[in-house]
Amino acid sequence: MDIEHIVLPALVVMTSLAAVLVGARRLGLAPRRLGDAALRAVETIGLLVAFGAANLALGIAGVLAYRGLTGEFMSFYVLNDAILGVLSLLQALIFQWWRARRS
């Protein structure tokens, strides 16, 4: 295996370990709650996928409706923008935090 293949995972491992140390020693976070946090992260990824798919489906429907109503061509490439993923992540995070506050 080339060294280039381990650079990014090694960076993530090091910053994750640093976050655990800072969280436990400086912020008083309980290390035993890391499993709960990981589960919440996986749930958020699922929400990201759901919001992303819903946004894309609605966008496709909108493009098709525009084509049908105006007779003009609009490309599906208008939906091919990284900002859609960022905004879907923001939707997922807000929904997840809102859901966590319900109790």
C-alpha atoms as a PDB file:
ATOM      1  CA  MET A   1       0.000   0.000   0.000  1.00  0.00           C
ATOM      2  CA  ASP A   2       1.302   3.429  -0.920  1.00  0.00           C
ATOM      3  CA  ILE A   3       1.691   6.084   1.747  1.00  0.00           C
ATOM      4  CA  GLU A   4      -0.721   8.320  -0.196  1.00  0.00           C
ATOM      5  CA  HIS A   5      -3.571   5.921   0.592  1.00  0.00           C
ATOM      6  CA  ILE A   6      -3.201   6.308   4.343  1.00  0.00           C
ATOM      7  CA  VAL A   7      -2.667  10.066   4.604  1.00  0.00           C
ATOM      8  CA  LEU A   8      -6.356  11.053   4.758  1.00  0.00           C
ATOM      9  CA  PRO A   9      -7.464   8.234   7.085  1.00  0.00           C
ATOM     10  CA  ALA A  10      -4.478   8.968   9.345  1.00  0.00           C
ATOM     11  CA  LEU A  11      -5.427  12.650   9.506  1.00  0.00           C
ATOM     12  CA  VAL A  12      -9.002  11.766  10.437  1.00  0.00           C
ATOM     13  CA  VAL A  13      -7.841   9.323  13.123  1.00  0.00           C
ATOM     14  CA  MET A  14      -5.482  11.892  14.628  1.00  0.00           C
ATOM     15  CA  THR A  15      -8.051  14.708  14.711  1.00  0.00           C
ATOM     16  CA  SER A  16     -10.654  12.305  16.106  1.00  0.00           C
ATOM     17  CA  LEU A  17      -8.312  11.245  18.901  1.00  0.00           C
ATOM     18  CA  ALA A  18      -7.527  14.898  19.611  1.00  0.00           C
ATOM     19  CA  ALA A  19     -11.257  15.664  19.769  1.00  0.00           C
ATOM     20  CA  VAL A  20     -11.811  12.807  22.228  1.00  0.00           C
ATOM     21  CA  LEU A  21      -8.972  14.025  24.428  1.00  0.00           C
ATOM     22  CA  VAL A  22     -10.103  17.647  24.365  1.00  0.00           C
ATOM     23  CA  GLY A  23     -13.727  16.643  24.873  1.00  0.00           C
ATOM     24  CA  ALA A  24     -12.971  14.389  27.828  1.00  0.00           C
ATOM     25  CA  ARG A  25     -10.290  16.465  29.554  1.00  0.00           C
ATOM     26  CA  ARG A  26     -11.271  20.044  28.800  1.00  0.00           C
ATOM     27  CA  LEU A  27     -15.016  19.924  28.175  1.00  0.00           C
ATOM     28  CA  GLY A  28     -15.989  17.195  30.619  1.00  0.00           C
ATOM     29  CA  LEU A  29     -17.633  14.980  27.987  1.00  0.00           C
ATOM     30  CA  ALA A  30     -18.121  11.331  28.948  1.00  0.00           C
ATOM     31  CA  PRO A  31     -16.164   8.962  26.642  1.00  0.00           C
ATOM     32  CA  ARG A  32     -18.789   6.256  27.225  1.00  0.00           C
ATOM     33  CA  ARG A  33     -21.265   8.426  25.291  1.00  0.00           C
ATOM     34  CA  LEU A  34     -19.224   8.163  22.069  1.00  0.00           C
ATOM     35  CA  GLY A  35     -21.392   5.249  20.943  1.00  0.00           C
ATOM     36  CA  ASP A  36     -24.502   7.414  21.248  1.00  0.00           C
ATOM     37  CA  ALA A  37     -22.780  10.173  19.284  1.00  0.00           C
ATOM     38  CA  ALA A  38     -21.748   7.731  16.543  1.00  0.00           C
ATOM     39  CA  LEU A  39     -25.329   6.463  16.306  1.00  0.00           C
ATOM     40  CA  ARG A  40     -26.576  10.042  16.010  1.00  0.00           C
ATOM     41  CA  ALA A  41     -24.022  10.647  13.226  1.00  0.00           C
ATOM     42  CA  VAL A  42     -25.259   7.589  11.302  1.00  0.00           C
ATOM     43  CA  GLU A  43     -28.855   8.794  11.730  1.00  0.00           C
ATOM     44  CA  THR A  44     -27.826  12.194  10.396  1.00  0.00           C
ATOM     45  CA  ILE A  45     -26.201  10.591   7.357  1.00  0.00           C
ATOM     46  CA  GLY A  46     -29.462   8.749   6.724  1.00  0.00           C
ATOM     47  CA  LEU A  47     -31.353  12.042   6.971  1.00  0.00           C
ATOM     48  CA  LEU A  48     -28.840  13.624   4.588  1.00  0.00           C
ATOM     49  CA  VAL A  49     -29.547  10.897   2.029  1.00  0.00           C
ATOM     50  CA  ALA A  50     -33.319  11.273   2.521  1.00  0.00           C
ATOM     51  CA  PHE A  51     -33.264  15.072   2.177  1.00  0.00           C
ATOM     52  CA  GLY A  52     -30.869  14.840  -0.772  1.00  0.00           C
ATOM     53  CA  ALA A  53     -33.121  12.361  -2.575  1.00  0.00           C
ATOM     54  CA  ALA A  54     -36.226  14.445  -1.834  1.00  0.00           C
ATOM     55  CA  ASN A  55     -34.541  17.626  -3.050  1.00  0.00           C
ATOM     56  CA  LEU A  56     -33.360  15.907  -6.218  1.00  0.00           C
ATOM     57  CA  ALA A  57     -36.767  14.335  -6.898  1.00  0.00           C
ATOM     58  CA  LEU A  58     -38.520  17.658  -6.385  1.00  0.00           C
ATOM     59  CA  GLY A  59     -35.947  19.347  -8.621  1.00  0.00           C
ATOM     60  CA  ILE A  60     -36.491  16.783 -11.383  1.00  0.00           C
ATOM     61  CA  ALA A  61     -40.249  17.263 -11.093  1.00  0.00           C
ATOM     62  CA  GLY A  62     -39.754  21.017 -11.271  1.00  0.00           C
ATOM     63  CA  VAL A  63     -37.601  20.773 -14.402  1.00  0.00           C
ATOM     64  CA  LEU A  64     -40.144  18.481 -16.055  1.00  0.00           C
ATOM     65  CA  ALA A  65     -43.001  20.800 -15.076  1.00  0.00           C
ATOM     66  CA  TYR A  66     -41.114  23.794 -16.469  1.00  0.00           C
ATOM     67  CA  ARG A  67     -40.508  21.956 -19.737  1.00  0.00           C
ATOM     68  CA  GLY A  68     -44.162  20.948 -19.967  1.00  0.00           C
ATOM     69  CA  LEU A  69     -45.632  24.329 -19.050  1.00  0.00           C
ATOM     70  CA  THR A  70     -43.346  26.563 -21.099  1.00  0.00           C
ATOM     71  CA  GLY A  71     -42.238  24.288 -23.924  1.00  0.00           C
ATOM     72  CA  GLU A  72     -38.693  25.521 -23.310  1.00  0.00           C
ATOM     73  CA  PHE A  73     -35.797  23.215 -22.616  1.00  0.00           C
ATOM     74  CA  MET A  74     -34.228  23.220 -19.179  1.00  0.00           C
ATOM     75  CA  SER A  75     -31.377  20.842 -18.459  1.00  0.00           C
ATOM     76  CA  PHE A  76     -31.270  18.566 -15.441  1.00  0.00           C
ATOM     77  CA  TYR A  77     -27.711  19.818 -15.008  1.00  0.00           C
ATOM     78  CA  VAL A  78     -29.103  22.799 -13.081  1.00  0.00           C
ATOM     79  CA  LEU A  79     -29.503  20.288 -10.243  1.00  0.00           C
ATOM     80  CA  ASN A  80     -25.860  19.169 -10.484  1.00  0.00           C
ATOM     81  CA  ASP A  81     -24.373  21.555  -7.945  1.00  0.00           C
ATOM     82  CA  ALA A  82     -22.466  20.745  -4.770  1.00  0.00           C
ATOM     83  CA  ILE A  83     -24.470  23.366  -2.885  1.00  0.00           C
ATOM     84  CA  LEU A  84     -27.489  21.022  -3.063  1.00  0.00           C
ATOM     85  CA  GLY A  85     -25.539  18.509  -0.976  1.00  0.00           C
ATOM     86  CA  VAL A  86     -24.443  21.180   1.489  1.00  0.00           C
ATOM     87  CA  LEU A  87     -28.004  22.471   1.858  1.00  0.00           C
ATOM     88  CA  SER A  88     -29.314  18.908   2.256  1.00  0.00           C
ATOM     89  CA  LEU A  89     -26.755  18.386   5.036  1.00  0.00           C
ATOM     90  CA  LEU A  90     -27.931  21.590   6.690  1.00  0.00           C
ATOM     91  CA  GLN A  91     -31.533  20.358   6.489  1.00  0.00           C
ATOM     92  CA  ALA A  92     -30.500  17.026   8.029  1.00  0.00           C
ATOM     93  CA  LEU A  93     -28.582  18.674  10.870  1.00  0.00           C
ATOM     94  CA  ILE A  94     -31.406  21.070  11.717  1.00  0.00           C
ATOM     95  CA  PHE A  95     -33.972  18.261  11.649  1.00  0.00           C
ATOM     96  CA  GLN A  96     -31.754  16.026  13.792  1.00  0.00           C
ATOM     97  CA  TRP A  97     -31.164  18.764  16.369  1.00  0.00           C
ATOM     98  CA  TRP A  98     -34.849  19.643  16.386  1.00  0.00           C
ATOM     99  CA  ARG A  99     -35.724  15.990  16.945  1.00  0.00           C
ATOM    100  CA  ALA A 100     -33.189  15.746  19.784  1.00  0.00           C
ATOM    101  CA  ARG A 101     -34.787  18.740  21.541  1.00  0.00           C
ATOM    102  CA  ARG A 102     -38.307  17.271  21.604  1.00  0.00           C
ATOM    103  CA  SER A 103     -37.832  15.709  25.026  1.00  0.00           C
END
